[in-house]
């Protein structure tokens, strides 16, 4: 019985350590209008997505401390830590 308990603790620890963080948000301009086709990339990885026509995106990250890079032609590059990510991400024109 004790061995089963230890195995269960190990399994839950492994699952908790390997679970992803799913981030959902929206990218808007300075007027609050959605921006489509913004590249959202997890810094120091090849993981990226593009925003849809409503500026919405969903991306999986490995850690809560990850940073996201937001890139779109005509707008300033933006880097945001997941901890600083609020409901909407605002991009500023160049």
C-alpha atoms as a PDB file:
ATOM      1  CA  UNK A   1       0.000   0.000   0.000  1.00  0.00           C
ATOM      2  CA  UNK A   2       2.841   2.370   0.852  1.00  0.00           C
ATOM      3  CA  UNK A   3       4.495   1.625  -2.517  1.00  0.00           C
ATOM      4  CA  UNK A   4       1.311   2.464  -4.407  1.00  0.00           C
ATOM      5  CA  UNK A   5       1.076   5.783  -2.562  1.00  0.00           C
ATOM      6  CA  UNK A   6       4.701   6.625  -3.449  1.00  0.00           C
ATOM      7  CA  UNK A   7       4.124   5.723  -7.093  1.00  0.00           C
ATOM      8  CA  UNK A   8       1.046   7.954  -7.249  1.00  0.00           C
ATOM      9  CA  UNK A   9       2.986  10.877  -5.753  1.00  0.00           C
ATOM     10  CA  UNK A  10       5.757  10.364  -8.335  1.00  0.00           C
ATOM     11  CA  UNK A  11       3.292  10.231 -11.240  1.00  0.00           C
ATOM     12  CA  UNK A  12       1.477  13.414 -10.146  1.00  0.00           C
ATOM     13  CA  UNK A  13       4.815  15.207  -9.674  1.00  0.00           C
ATOM     14  CA  UNK A  14       5.970  14.269 -13.189  1.00  0.00           C
ATOM     15  CA  UNK A  15       2.661  15.366 -14.725  1.00  0.00           C
ATOM     16  CA  UNK A  16       2.721  18.684 -12.853  1.00  0.00           C
ATOM     17  CA  UNK A  17       6.306  19.393 -13.932  1.00  0.00           C
ATOM     18  CA  UNK A  18       5.685  18.678 -17.611  1.00  0.00           C
ATOM     19  CA  UNK A  19       2.342  20.396 -18.071  1.00  0.00           C
ATOM     20  CA  UNK A  20       2.123  23.302 -20.472  1.00  0.00           C
ATOM     21  CA  UNK A  21       0.699  26.735 -19.843  1.00  0.00           C
ATOM     22  CA  UNK A  22      -1.932  27.737 -22.378  1.00  0.00           C
ATOM     23  CA  UNK A  23      -2.086  31.467 -23.074  1.00  0.00           C
ATOM     24  CA  UNK A  24      -5.134  33.062 -24.718  1.00  0.00           C
ATOM     25  CA  UNK A  25      -5.294  36.777 -25.439  1.00  0.00           C
ATOM     26  CA  UNK A  26      -5.970  39.423 -28.064  1.00  0.00           C
ATOM     27  CA  UNK A  27      -3.654  41.859 -29.852  1.00  0.00           C
ATOM     28  CA  UNK A  28      -5.030  45.352 -30.485  1.00  0.00           C
ATOM     29  CA  UNK A  29      -3.765  48.695 -31.776  1.00  0.00           C
ATOM     30  CA  UNK A  30      -3.676  51.929 -29.793  1.00  0.00           C
ATOM     31  CA  UNK A  31      -7.367  52.521 -30.608  1.00  0.00           C
ATOM     32  CA  UNK A  32      -8.386  49.093 -29.298  1.00  0.00           C
ATOM     33  CA  UNK A  33      -8.981  47.671 -32.786  1.00  0.00           C
ATOM     34  CA  UNK A  34      -7.916  44.026 -33.271  1.00  0.00           C
ATOM     35  CA  UNK A  35      -4.802  43.345 -35.361  1.00  0.00           C
ATOM     36  CA  UNK A  36      -4.727  40.199 -37.488  1.00  0.00           C
ATOM     37  CA  UNK A  37      -1.657  38.254 -38.636  1.00  0.00           C
ATOM     38  CA  UNK A  38       0.569  39.273 -35.721  1.00  0.00           C
ATOM     39  CA  UNK A  39       3.269  36.674 -35.099  1.00  0.00           C
ATOM     40  CA  UNK A  40       3.296  35.619 -31.441  1.00  0.00           C
ATOM     41  CA  UNK A  41       6.411  33.600 -30.580  1.00  0.00           C
ATOM     42  CA  UNK A  42       7.689  32.026 -27.383  1.00  0.00           C
ATOM     43  CA  UNK A  43      11.136  33.581 -26.920  1.00  0.00           C
ATOM     44  CA  UNK A  44      14.072  31.167 -27.336  1.00  0.00           C
ATOM     45  CA  UNK A  45      11.935  28.554 -29.090  1.00  0.00           C
ATOM     46  CA  UNK A  46      10.446  27.748 -32.474  1.00  0.00           C
ATOM     47  CA  UNK A  47       6.890  27.848 -31.118  1.00  0.00           C
ATOM     48  CA  UNK A  48       4.743  30.559 -32.696  1.00  0.00           C
ATOM     49  CA  UNK A  49       1.195  31.311 -33.818  1.00  0.00           C
ATOM     50  CA  UNK A  50      -0.509  34.046 -35.824  1.00  0.00           C
ATOM     51  CA  UNK A  51      -3.451  36.087 -34.580  1.00  0.00           C
ATOM     52  CA  UNK A  52      -6.763  35.585 -36.339  1.00  0.00           C
ATOM     53  CA  UNK A  53      -8.963  38.271 -37.925  1.00  0.00           C
ATOM     54  CA  UNK A  54     -10.177  39.261 -34.435  1.00  0.00           C
ATOM     55  CA  UNK A  55      -6.617  39.592 -33.108  1.00  0.00           C
ATOM     56  CA  UNK A  56      -7.115  36.474 -30.966  1.00  0.00           C
ATOM     57  CA  UNK A  57      -4.423  33.876 -30.339  1.00  0.00           C
ATOM     58  CA  UNK A  58      -3.806  30.779 -28.241  1.00  0.00           C
ATOM     59  CA  UNK A  59      -0.292  29.486 -27.626  1.00  0.00           C
ATOM     60  CA  UNK A  60       1.209  26.737 -25.453  1.00  0.00           C
ATOM     61  CA  UNK A  61       4.296  27.530 -23.391  1.00  0.00           C
ATOM     62  CA  UNK A  62       6.399  25.355 -21.128  1.00  0.00           C
ATOM     63  CA  UNK A  63       6.878  27.748 -18.223  1.00  0.00           C
ATOM     64  CA  UNK A  64       5.070  30.653 -16.590  1.00  0.00           C
ATOM     65  CA  UNK A  65       8.289  32.693 -16.798  1.00  0.00           C
ATOM     66  CA  UNK A  66       8.394  32.489 -20.601  1.00  0.00           C
ATOM     67  CA  UNK A  67       8.395  35.669 -22.640  1.00  0.00           C
ATOM     68  CA  UNK A  68       6.344  36.221 -25.780  1.00  0.00           C
ATOM     69  CA  UNK A  69       7.505  38.228 -28.800  1.00  0.00           C
ATOM     70  CA  UNK A  70       4.863  40.103 -30.821  1.00  0.00           C
ATOM     71  CA  UNK A  71       5.886  41.030 -34.400  1.00  0.00           C
ATOM     72  CA  UNK A  72       3.935  42.755 -37.172  1.00  0.00           C
ATOM     73  CA  UNK A  73       5.146  44.880 -40.084  1.00  0.00           C
ATOM     74  CA  UNK A  74       4.454  48.557 -39.362  1.00  0.00           C
ATOM     75  CA  UNK A  75       4.366  48.079 -35.576  1.00  0.00           C
ATOM     76  CA  UNK A  76       7.046  48.228 -32.885  1.00  0.00           C
ATOM     77  CA  UNK A  77       8.381  44.875 -31.696  1.00  0.00           C
ATOM     78  CA  UNK A  78       6.953  43.992 -28.285  1.00  0.00           C
ATOM     79  CA  UNK A  79       8.298  41.494 -25.748  1.00  0.00           C
ATOM     80  CA  UNK A  80       6.076  40.625 -22.788  1.00  0.00           C
ATOM     81  CA  UNK A  81       6.593  38.281 -19.870  1.00  0.00           C
ATOM     82  CA  UNK A  82       3.643  35.961 -19.270  1.00  0.00           C
ATOM     83  CA  UNK A  83       3.367  37.342 -15.743  1.00  0.00           C
ATOM     84  CA  UNK A  84       2.789  40.825 -17.235  1.00  0.00           C
ATOM     85  CA  UNK A  85       0.277  39.674 -19.845  1.00  0.00           C
ATOM     86  CA  UNK A  86      -3.147  41.174 -19.270  1.00  0.00           C
ATOM     87  CA  UNK A  87      -6.369  40.698 -21.249  1.00  0.00           C
ATOM     88  CA  UNK A  88      -5.239  42.569 -24.343  1.00  0.00           C
ATOM     89  CA  UNK A  89      -1.800  43.184 -25.813  1.00  0.00           C
ATOM     90  CA  UNK A  90      -1.410  46.647 -27.346  1.00  0.00           C
ATOM     91  CA  UNK A  91       0.957  47.205 -30.289  1.00  0.00           C
ATOM     92  CA  UNK A  92       2.199  50.692 -31.144  1.00  0.00           C
ATOM     93  CA  UNK A  93       2.733  51.791 -34.776  1.00  0.00           C
ATOM     94  CA  UNK A  94       6.304  52.633 -35.833  1.00  0.00           C
END
